[in-house]
PDB file of N, CA and C in Angstrom:
ATOM      1  N   MET A   1       0.618  -1.418   0.039  1.00  0.00           N
ATOM      2  CA  MET A   1       0.015   0.147   0.023  1.00  0.00           C
ATOM      3  C   MET A   1       1.135   1.270   0.031  1.00  0.00           C
ATOM      4  N   THR A   2       0.893   2.616  -1.288  1.00  0.00           N
ATOM      5  CA  THR A   2       1.483   3.371  -1.196  1.00  0.00           C
ATOM      6  C   THR A   2       0.637   4.514   0.090  1.00  0.00           C
ATOM      7  N   ILE A   3       1.639   5.177   0.845  1.00  0.00           N
ATOM      8  CA  ILE A   3       1.149   6.555   1.056  1.00  0.00           C
ATOM      9  C   ILE A   3      -0.134   7.220   0.375  1.00  0.00           C
ATOM     10  N   ASP A   4      -0.002   7.034  -1.001  1.00  0.00           N
ATOM     11  CA  ASP A   4      -0.915   8.355  -1.367  1.00  0.00           C
ATOM     12  C   ASP A   4      -1.903   7.607  -1.750  1.00  0.00           C
ATOM     13  N   ALA A   5      -2.061   6.075  -1.799  1.00  0.00           N
ATOM     14  CA  ALA A   5      -3.314   5.273  -1.568  1.00  0.00           C
ATOM     15  C   ALA A   5      -4.252   5.494  -0.196  1.00  0.00           C
ATOM     16  N   LEU A   6      -3.176   5.304   0.645  1.00  0.00           N
ATOM     17  CA  LEU A   6      -3.880   5.381   1.937  1.00  0.00           C
ATOM     18  C   LEU A   6      -4.467   6.656   2.031  1.00  0.00           C
ATOM     19  N   THR A   7      -3.580   7.562   1.984  1.00  0.00           N
ATOM     20  CA  THR A   7      -4.252   9.298   2.239  1.00  0.00           C
ATOM     21  C   THR A   7      -5.534   9.288   1.701  1.00  0.00           C
ATOM     22  N   MET A   8      -5.449   8.868   0.563  1.00  0.00           N
ATOM     23  CA  MET A   8      -7.021   8.771  -0.447  1.00  0.00           C
ATOM     24  C   MET A   8      -8.035   8.609   0.449  1.00  0.00           C
ATOM     25  N   ALA A   9      -7.210   6.547   1.061  1.00  0.00           N
ATOM     26  CA  ALA A   9      -8.709   5.888   2.247  1.00  0.00           C
ATOM     27  C   ALA A   9      -9.565   6.962   3.382  1.00  0.00           C
ATOM     28  N   ILE A  10      -7.996   7.513   4.103  1.00  0.00           N
ATOM     29  CA  ILE A  10      -8.325   8.141   5.108  1.00  0.00           C
ATOM     30  C   ILE A  10      -9.020   9.487   4.786  1.00  0.00           C
ATOM     31  N   MET A  11      -8.970   9.968   3.528  1.00  0.00           N
ATOM     32  CA  MET A  11      -9.708  11.784   3.179  1.00  0.00           C
ATOM     33  C   MET A  11     -10.845  10.726   2.909  1.00  0.00           C
ATOM     34  N   ALA A  12     -11.301   9.727   2.127  1.00  0.00           N
ATOM     35  CA  ALA A  12     -12.516   9.326   2.124  1.00  0.00           C
ATOM     36  C   ALA A  12     -13.305   9.244   3.014  1.00  0.00           C
ATOM     37  N   ALA A  13     -12.878   8.824   3.590  1.00  0.00           N
ATOM     38  CA  ALA A  13     -13.268   8.198   4.659  1.00  0.00           C
ATOM     39  C   ALA A  13     -13.561   9.583   5.698  1.00  0.00           C
ATOM     40  N   LEU A  14     -12.777  10.222   6.531  1.00  0.00           N
ATOM     41  CA  LEU A  14     -13.092  11.557   7.154  1.00  0.00           C
ATOM     42  C   LEU A  14     -14.794  12.794   6.147  1.00  0.00           C
ATOM     43  N   ALA A  15     -14.513  12.275   4.668  1.00  0.00           N
ATOM     44  CA  ALA A  15     -15.457  13.673   4.305  1.00  0.00           C
ATOM     45  C   ALA A  15     -16.584  12.854   4.037  1.00  0.00           C
ATOM     46  N   VAL A  16     -16.512  11.267   3.721  1.00  0.00           N
ATOM     47  CA  VAL A  16     -18.445  10.386   4.711  1.00  0.00           C
ATOM     48  C   VAL A  16     -18.810  11.051   5.566  1.00  0.00           C
ATOM     49  N   GLY A  17     -17.920  10.689   6.782  1.00  0.00           N
ATOM     50  CA  GLY A  17     -18.406  11.343   8.042  1.00  0.00           C
ATOM     51  C   GLY A  17     -18.942  12.078   7.928  1.00  0.00           C
ATOM     52  N   PHE A  18     -17.616  13.290   7.633  1.00  0.00           N
ATOM     53  CA  PHE A  18     -18.117  14.901   7.665  1.00  0.00           C
ATOM     54  C   PHE A  18     -19.574  15.362   7.611  1.00  0.00           C
ATOM     55  N   LEU A  19     -19.895  14.762   5.750  1.00  0.00           N
ATOM     56  CA  LEU A  19     -20.974  15.018   5.123  1.00  0.00           C
ATOM     57  C   LEU A  19     -22.063  14.196   5.586  1.00  0.00           C
ATOM     58  N   THR A  20     -22.131  13.189   6.137  1.00  0.00           N
ATOM     59  CA  THR A  20     -22.782  12.303   6.588  1.00  0.00           C
ATOM     60  C   THR A  20     -23.316  12.692   8.363  1.00  0.00           C
ATOM     61  N   GLN A  21     -22.792  13.258   8.497  1.00  0.00           N
ATOM     62  CA  GLN A  21     -22.940  13.221  10.522  1.00  0.00           C
ATOM     63  C   GLN A  21     -24.172  14.166  10.350  1.00  0.00           C
ATOM     64  N   PRO A  22     -24.366  15.188   9.574  1.00  0.00           N
ATOM     65  CA  PRO A  22     -25.262  16.337   9.964  1.00  0.00           C
ATOM     66  C   PRO A  22     -26.903  15.646   9.476  1.00  0.00           C
ATOM     67  N   VAL A  23     -26.725  14.937   8.350  1.00  0.00           N
ATOM     68  CA  VAL A  23     -27.700  14.294   7.530  1.00  0.00           C
ATOM     69  C   VAL A  23     -28.324  13.224   8.833  1.00  0.00           C
ATOM     70  N   VAL A  24     -27.694  12.206   8.850  1.00  0.00           N
ATOM     71  CA  VAL A  24     -27.379  11.453  10.611  1.00  0.00           C
ATOM     72  C   VAL A  24     -28.623  12.304  11.454  1.00  0.00           C
ATOM     73  N   VAL A  25     -28.335  13.210  12.070  1.00  0.00           N
ATOM     74  CA  VAL A  25     -28.471  13.975  12.993  1.00  0.00           C
ATOM     75  C   VAL A  25     -29.687  14.225  12.712  1.00  0.00           C
ATOM     76  N   ARG A  26     -30.084  15.159  11.788  1.00  0.00           N
ATOM     77  CA  ARG A  26     -31.462  15.654  11.336  1.00  0.00           C
ATOM     78  C   ARG A  26     -32.332  14.778  11.044  1.00  0.00           C
ATOM     79  N   THR A  27     -32.011  13.358  10.770  1.00  0.00           N
ATOM     80  CA  THR A  27     -32.908  12.028  10.601  1.00  0.00           C
ATOM     81  C   THR A  27     -33.639  11.959  11.718  1.00  0.00           C
ATOM     82  N   MET A  28     -32.503  11.807  12.959  1.00  0.00           N
ATOM     83  CA  MET A  28     -32.772  11.252  14.386  1.00  0.00           C
ATOM     84  C   MET A  28     -34.000  12.196  14.608  1.00  0.00           C
ATOM     85  N   ILE A  29     -33.485  13.620  14.421  1.00  0.00           N
ATOM     86  CA  ILE A  29     -34.305  14.293  15.170  1.00  0.00           C
ATOM     87  C   ILE A  29     -35.829  14.633  14.744  1.00  0.00           C
ATOM     88  N   SER A  30     -35.914  14.184  13.504  1.00  0.00           N
ATOM     89  CA  SER A  30     -37.229  14.209  12.415  1.00  0.00           C
ATOM     90  C   SER A  30     -37.846  12.986  13.019  1.00  0.00           C
ATOM     91  N   TYR A  31     -37.057  12.024  13.362  1.00  0.00           N
ATOM     92  CA  TYR A  31     -38.001  10.625  13.323  1.00  0.00           C
ATOM     93  C   TYR A  31     -38.160  10.446  15.842  1.00  0.00           C
ATOM     94  N   ALA A  32     -37.615  11.399  15.984  1.00  0.00           N
ATOM     95  CA  ALA A  32     -37.909  11.920  16.998  1.00  0.00           C
ATOM     96  C   ALA A  32     -36.622  10.637  18.183  1.00  0.00           C
ATOM     97  N   VAL A  33     -35.503   9.814  17.438  1.00  0.00           N
ATOM     98  CA  VAL A  33     -34.930   9.220  18.422  1.00  0.00           C
ATOM     99  C   VAL A  33     -33.682   9.940  19.095  1.00  0.00           C
ATOM    100  N   ILE A  34     -33.893  10.185  20.632  1.00  0.00           N
ATOM    101  CA  ILE A  34     -33.420  11.679  20.564  1.00  0.00           C
ATOM    102  C   ILE A  34     -33.463  10.602  22.223  1.00  0.00           C
ATOM    103  N   ASP A  35     -32.254  10.941  22.801  1.00  0.00           N
ATOM    104  CA  ASP A  35     -31.860  10.936  24.176  1.00  0.00           C
ATOM    105  C   ASP A  35     -32.535  12.063  25.201  1.00  0.00           C
ATOM    106  N   ARG A  36     -33.306  11.206  26.067  1.00  0.00           N
ATOM    107  CA  ARG A  36     -33.614  12.157  26.874  1.00  0.00           C
ATOM    108  C   ARG A  36     -32.970  12.288  28.433  1.00  0.00           C
ATOM    109  N   PRO A  37     -32.112  14.038  28.716  1.00  0.00           N
ATOM    110  CA  PRO A  37     -31.825  13.235  29.976  1.00  0.00           C
ATOM    111  C   PRO A  37     -32.327  12.843  31.244  1.00  0.00           C
ATOM    112  N   GLY A  38     -31.601  11.544  32.213  1.00  0.00           N
ATOM    113  CA  GLY A  38     -32.165  11.041  33.253  1.00  0.00           C
ATOM    114  C   GLY A  38     -31.612  11.060  34.185  1.00  0.00           C
ATOM    115  N   GLU A  39     -31.600   9.746  35.231  1.00  0.00           N
ATOM    116  CA  GLU A  39     -30.632   9.646  35.967  1.00  0.00           C
ATOM    117  C   GLU A  39     -29.569   9.273  35.505  1.00  0.00           C
ATOM    118  N   ARG A  40     -29.659   7.631  34.882  1.00  0.00           N
ATOM    119  CA  ARG A  40     -28.530   7.549  34.196  1.00  0.00           C
ATOM    120  C   ARG A  40     -27.656   7.769  33.066  1.00  0.00           C
ATOM    121  N   SER A  41     -28.542   8.708  32.251  1.00  0.00           N
ATOM    122  CA  SER A  41     -27.609   9.791  31.486  1.00  0.00           C
ATOM    123  C   SER A  41     -27.005  10.794  31.199  1.00  0.00           C
ATOM    124  N   SER A  42     -25.765  10.218  30.497  1.00  0.00           N
ATOM    125  CA  SER A  42     -24.612  11.231  31.040  1.00  0.00           C
ATOM    126  C   SER A  42     -24.780  13.283  30.229  1.00  0.00           C
ATOM    127  N   HIS A  43     -25.756  13.101  29.167  1.00  0.00           N
ATOM    128  CA  HIS A  43     -26.272  14.320  28.737  1.00  0.00           C
ATOM    129  C   HIS A  43     -27.088  14.891  29.925  1.00  0.00           C
ATOM    130  N   THR A  44     -27.237  16.267  29.702  1.00  0.00           N
ATOM    131  CA  THR A  44     -27.398  17.274  30.293  1.00  0.00           C
ATOM    132  C   THR A  44     -28.846  18.082  29.206  1.00  0.00           C
ATOM    133  N   VAL A  45     -28.905  17.836  28.156  1.00  0.00           N
ATOM    134  CA  VAL A  45     -29.975  18.431  27.289  1.00  0.00           C
ATOM    135  C   VAL A  45     -29.985  17.386  26.303  1.00  0.00           C
ATOM    136  N   PRO A  46     -31.602  17.450  25.631  1.00  0.00           N
ATOM    137  CA  PRO A  46     -31.911  15.789  24.999  1.00  0.00           C
ATOM    138  C   PRO A  46     -31.103  15.807  23.635  1.00  0.00           C
ATOM    139  N   THR A  47     -30.437  14.737  23.699  1.00  0.00           N
ATOM    140  CA  THR A  47     -29.569  14.431  22.340  1.00  0.00           C
ATOM    141  C   THR A  47     -29.614  13.396  21.283  1.00  0.00           C
ATOM    142  N   PRO A  48     -29.486  13.877  20.136  1.00  0.00           N
ATOM    143  CA  PRO A  48     -29.918  12.954  18.782  1.00  0.00           C
ATOM    144  C   PRO A  48     -29.307  11.557  18.935  1.00  0.00           C
ATOM    145  N   ARG A  49     -29.548  10.458  19.362  1.00  0.00           N
ATOM    146  CA  ARG A  49     -28.974   9.067  19.156  1.00  0.00           C
ATOM    147  C   ARG A  49     -28.789   8.843  17.613  1.00  0.00           C
ATOM    148  N   GLY A  50     -28.178   7.901  17.464  1.00  0.00           N
ATOM    149  CA  GLY A  50     -27.987   7.167  16.360  1.00  0.00           C
ATOM    150  C   GLY A  50     -26.541   7.643  15.391  1.00  0.00           C
ATOM    151  N   GLY A  51     -25.918   8.776  16.053  1.00  0.00           N
ATOM    152  CA  GLY A  51     -24.514   9.358  15.401  1.00  0.00           C
ATOM    153  C   GLY A  51     -23.076   8.349  14.811  1.00  0.00           C
ATOM    154  N   GLY A  52     -23.778   6.795  15.281  1.00  0.00           N
ATOM    155  CA  GLY A  52     -22.802   5.642  15.133  1.00  0.00           C
ATOM    156  C   GLY A  52     -22.800   5.607  13.925  1.00  0.00           C
ATOM    157  N   VAL A  53     -23.845   5.490  13.002  1.00  0.00           N
ATOM    158  CA  VAL A  53     -24.346   5.216  12.013  1.00  0.00           C
ATOM    159  C   VAL A  53     -23.358   5.664  11.155  1.00  0.00           C
ATOM    160  N   ALA A  54     -23.002   7.377  10.874  1.00  0.00           N
ATOM    161  CA  ALA A  54     -22.223   7.781  10.151  1.00  0.00           C
ATOM    162  C   ALA A  54     -20.979   7.353  10.307  1.00  0.00           C
ATOM    163  N   THR A  55     -20.217   7.299  11.532  1.00  0.00           N
ATOM    164  CA  THR A  55     -19.191   6.601  11.662  1.00  0.00           C
ATOM    165  C   THR A  55     -18.636   5.884  11.392  1.00  0.00           C
ATOM    166  N   VAL A  56     -19.811   4.522  11.316  1.00  0.00           N
ATOM    167  CA  VAL A  56     -19.272   2.948  10.497  1.00  0.00           C
ATOM    168  C   VAL A  56     -20.036   3.114   9.407  1.00  0.00           C
ATOM    169  N   LEU A  57     -20.426   4.088   8.887  1.00  0.00           N
ATOM    170  CA  LEU A  57     -20.496   4.347   7.253  1.00  0.00           C
ATOM    171  C   LEU A  57     -19.355   5.174   6.914  1.00  0.00           C
ATOM    172  N   ALA A  58     -18.295   5.509   7.190  1.00  0.00           N
ATOM    173  CA  ALA A  58     -17.501   6.150   6.685  1.00  0.00           C
ATOM    174  C   ALA A  58     -16.254   4.972   7.023  1.00  0.00           C
ATOM    175  N   ALA A  59     -16.379   4.178   8.079  1.00  0.00           N
ATOM    176  CA  ALA A  59     -15.196   3.313   8.015  1.00  0.00           C
ATOM    177  C   ALA A  59     -15.430   2.083   7.144  1.00  0.00           C
ATOM    178  N   VAL A  60     -16.845   1.909   6.029  1.00  0.00           N
ATOM    179  CA  VAL A  60     -17.205   1.129   5.687  1.00  0.00           C
ATOM    180  C   VAL A  60     -16.215   1.542   4.102  1.00  0.00           C
ATOM    181  N   ILE A  61     -16.594   2.796   4.270  1.00  0.00           N
ATOM    182  CA  ILE A  61     -16.179   3.394   2.712  1.00  0.00           C
ATOM    183  C   ILE A  61     -14.418   3.872   2.771  1.00  0.00           C
ATOM    184  N   GLY A  62     -14.102   4.083   3.354  1.00  0.00           N
ATOM    185  CA  GLY A  62     -12.580   3.692   3.745  1.00  0.00           C
ATOM    186  C   GLY A  62     -12.328   2.562   3.473  1.00  0.00           C
ATOM    187  N   LEU A  63     -12.632   1.231   4.217  1.00  0.00           N
ATOM    188  CA  LEU A  63     -12.044   0.269   3.939  1.00  0.00           C
ATOM    189  C   LEU A  63     -12.423  -0.440   2.486  1.00  0.00           C
ATOM    190  N   LEU A  64     -13.463   0.293   1.904  1.00  0.00           N
ATOM    191  CA  LEU A  64     -13.509   0.112   0.111  1.00  0.00           C
ATOM    192  C   LEU A  64     -12.655   0.743  -0.350  1.00  0.00           C
ATOM    193  N   VAL A  65     -12.275   1.888  -0.199  1.00  0.00           N
ATOM    194  CA  VAL A  65     -11.379   3.085  -0.756  1.00  0.00           C
ATOM    195  C   VAL A  65     -10.006   2.056  -0.544  1.00  0.00           C
ATOM    196  N   ALA A  66      -9.582   1.515  -0.021  1.00  0.00           N
ATOM    197  CA  ALA A  66      -8.631   1.174   0.420  1.00  0.00           C
ATOM    198  C   ALA A  66      -7.962   0.518   0.091  1.00  0.00           C
ATOM    199  N   PRO A  67      -6.814   0.117  -0.892  1.00  0.00           N
ATOM    200  CA  PRO A  67      -6.150  -0.498  -1.876  1.00  0.00           C
ATOM    201  C   PRO A  67      -5.976  -2.189  -1.054  1.00  0.00           C
ATOM    202  N   GLY A  68      -5.465  -2.838  -2.129  1.00  0.00           N
ATOM    203  CA  GLY A  68      -5.123  -4.091  -1.423  1.00  0.00           C
ATOM    204  C   GLY A  68      -5.831  -5.114  -1.366  1.00  0.00           C
ATOM    205  N   PRO A  69      -5.756  -6.675  -0.841  1.00  0.00           N
ATOM    206  CA  PRO A  69      -6.863  -7.990  -0.863  1.00  0.00           C
ATOM    207  C   PRO A  69      -7.896  -7.248  -0.216  1.00  0.00           C
ATOM    208  N   ARG A  70      -8.754  -7.827  -0.716  1.00  0.00           N
ATOM    209  CA  ARG A  70     -10.394  -7.920   0.411  1.00  0.00           C
ATOM    210  C   ARG A  70     -10.439  -9.023   1.101  1.00  0.00           C
ATOM    211  N   CYS A  71      -9.831  -9.488   2.083  1.00  0.00           N
ATOM    212  CA  CYS A  71      -9.924 -10.475   2.181  1.00  0.00           C
ATOM    213  C   CYS A  71     -10.491 -10.322   3.661  1.00  0.00           C
ATOM    214  N   LEU A  72     -11.682 -11.387   3.648  1.00  0.00           N
ATOM    215  CA  LEU A  72     -12.372 -11.779   4.171  1.00  0.00           C
ATOM    216  C   LEU A  72     -12.055 -11.697   6.054  1.00  0.00           C
ATOM    217  N   CYS A  73     -11.259 -12.705   5.564  1.00  0.00           N
ATOM    218  CA  CYS A  73     -10.168 -12.930   7.368  1.00  0.00           C
ATOM    219  C   CYS A  73      -9.279 -12.998   7.605  1.00  0.00           C
ATOM    220  N   CYS A  74      -8.323 -12.017   7.918  1.00  0.00           N
ATOM    221  CA  CYS A  74      -7.386 -11.604   8.257  1.00  0.00           C
ATOM    222  C   CYS A  74      -6.496 -12.766   8.540  1.00  0.00           C
ATOM    223  N   HIS A  75      -4.951 -12.534   8.525  1.00  0.00           N
ATOM    224  CA  HIS A  75      -4.223 -13.910   8.758  1.00  0.00           C
ATOM    225  C   HIS A  75      -3.823 -13.860  10.352  1.00  0.00           C
ATOM    226  N   TRP A  76      -3.723 -12.615  11.059  1.00  0.00           N
ATOM    227  CA  TRP A  76      -3.980 -12.463  12.189  1.00  0.00           C
ATOM    228  C   TRP A  76      -4.880 -13.102  12.869  1.00  0.00           C
ATOM    229  N   PHE A  77      -6.608 -12.959  12.379  1.00  0.00           N
ATOM    230  CA  PHE A  77      -7.356 -13.405  12.914  1.00  0.00           C
ATOM    231  C   PHE A  77      -8.195 -15.109  13.099  1.00  0.00           C
ATOM    232  N   CYS A  78      -7.553 -15.345  11.866  1.00  0.00           N
ATOM    233  CA  CYS A  78      -8.137 -17.112  11.746  1.00  0.00           C
ATOM    234  C   CYS A  78      -6.835 -18.000  11.168  1.00  0.00           C
ATOM    235  N   SER A  79      -6.649 -19.126  11.780  1.00  0.00           N
ATOM    236  CA  SER A  79      -5.869 -19.465  11.578  1.00  0.00           C
ATOM    237  C   SER A  79      -5.677 -20.529  10.420  1.00  0.00           C
ATOM    238  N   ARG A  80      -5.002 -21.253   9.638  1.00  0.00           N
ATOM    239  CA  ARG A  80      -4.947 -22.313   8.012  1.00  0.00           C
ATOM    240  C   ARG A  80      -6.128 -23.329   8.937  1.00  0.00           C
ATOM    241  N   ARG A  81      -5.896 -23.624  10.240  1.00  0.00           N
ATOM    242  CA  ARG A  81      -6.683 -24.850  10.466  1.00  0.00           C
ATOM    243  C   ARG A  81      -8.211 -24.563  10.391  1.00  0.00           C
ATOM    244  N   ILE A  82      -8.477 -23.110  11.083  1.00  0.00           N
ATOM    245  CA  ILE A  82     -10.089 -22.919  10.494  1.00  0.00           C
ATOM    246  C   ILE A  82     -10.491 -22.889   9.476  1.00  0.00           C
ATOM    247  N   PHE A  83      -9.869 -21.554   8.639  1.00  0.00           N
ATOM    248  CA  PHE A  83     -10.385 -21.221   7.390  1.00  0.00           C
ATOM    249  C   PHE A  83      -9.816 -21.881   6.128  1.00  0.00           C
ATOM    250  N   GLY A  84      -8.841 -21.976   6.737  1.00  0.00           N
ATOM    251  CA  GLY A  84      -7.857 -22.465   5.336  1.00  0.00           C
ATOM    252  C   GLY A  84      -7.021 -20.961   5.250  1.00  0.00           C
ATOM    253  N   GLY A  85      -6.670 -20.529   5.575  1.00  0.00           N
ATOM    254  CA  GLY A  85      -5.869 -19.122   5.920  1.00  0.00           C
ATOM    255  C   GLY A  85      -6.849 -18.618   4.476  1.00  0.00           C
ATOM    256  N   CYS A  86      -6.122 -17.366   4.297  1.00  0.00           N
ATOM    257  CA  CYS A  86      -6.828 -16.134   3.059  1.00  0.00           C
ATOM    258  C   CYS A  86      -6.162 -16.618   2.390  1.00  0.00           C
ATOM    259  N   ARG A  87      -6.892 -16.425   0.546  1.00  0.00           N
ATOM    260  CA  ARG A  87      -6.192 -17.093  -0.464  1.00  0.00           C
ATOM    261  C   ARG A  87      -6.945 -16.309  -1.043  1.00  0.00           C
ATOM    262  N   PHE A  88      -5.811 -15.305  -1.593  1.00  0.00           N
ATOM    263  CA  PHE A  88      -5.827 -13.934  -2.563  1.00  0.00           C
ATOM    264  C   PHE A  88      -4.192 -14.062  -2.650  1.00  0.00           C
ATOM    265  N   PRO A  89      -4.154 -13.344  -4.221  1.00  0.00           N
ATOM    266  CA  PRO A  89      -5.586 -13.693  -5.202  1.00  0.00           C
ATOM    267  C   PRO A  89      -6.079 -14.859  -5.087  1.00  0.00           C
ATOM    268  N   PRO A  90      -7.516 -15.211  -5.864  1.00  0.00           N
ATOM    269  CA  PRO A  90      -7.613 -16.589  -5.953  1.00  0.00           C
ATOM    270  C   PRO A  90      -6.843 -17.356  -6.740  1.00  0.00           C
ATOM    271  N   ALA A  91      -7.318 -18.581  -6.271  1.00  0.00           N
ATOM    272  CA  ALA A  91      -6.424 -19.974  -7.410  1.00  0.00           C
ATOM    273  C   ALA A  91      -7.707 -19.868  -8.421  1.00  0.00           C
TER     274      ALA A  91
END
């Protein structure tokens, strides 16, 4: 992976997160998905829930843009005994 390609993936993830966060927050407010303050809440004012949706979307876009093999099982995660290891490029 080159620095330029990695920079592109990071910039794409940041742009998607930056652009989708306000849309997700407005959508959550319009559907009244609000965390209202209470005894167990850390918020002092009503706060929209669901901001993690934009974060996950940004991470997925960043991974899709990132160069390199699209291996569903990483070498450090699964051993050859369980999944047969990663076969990339496919035989």
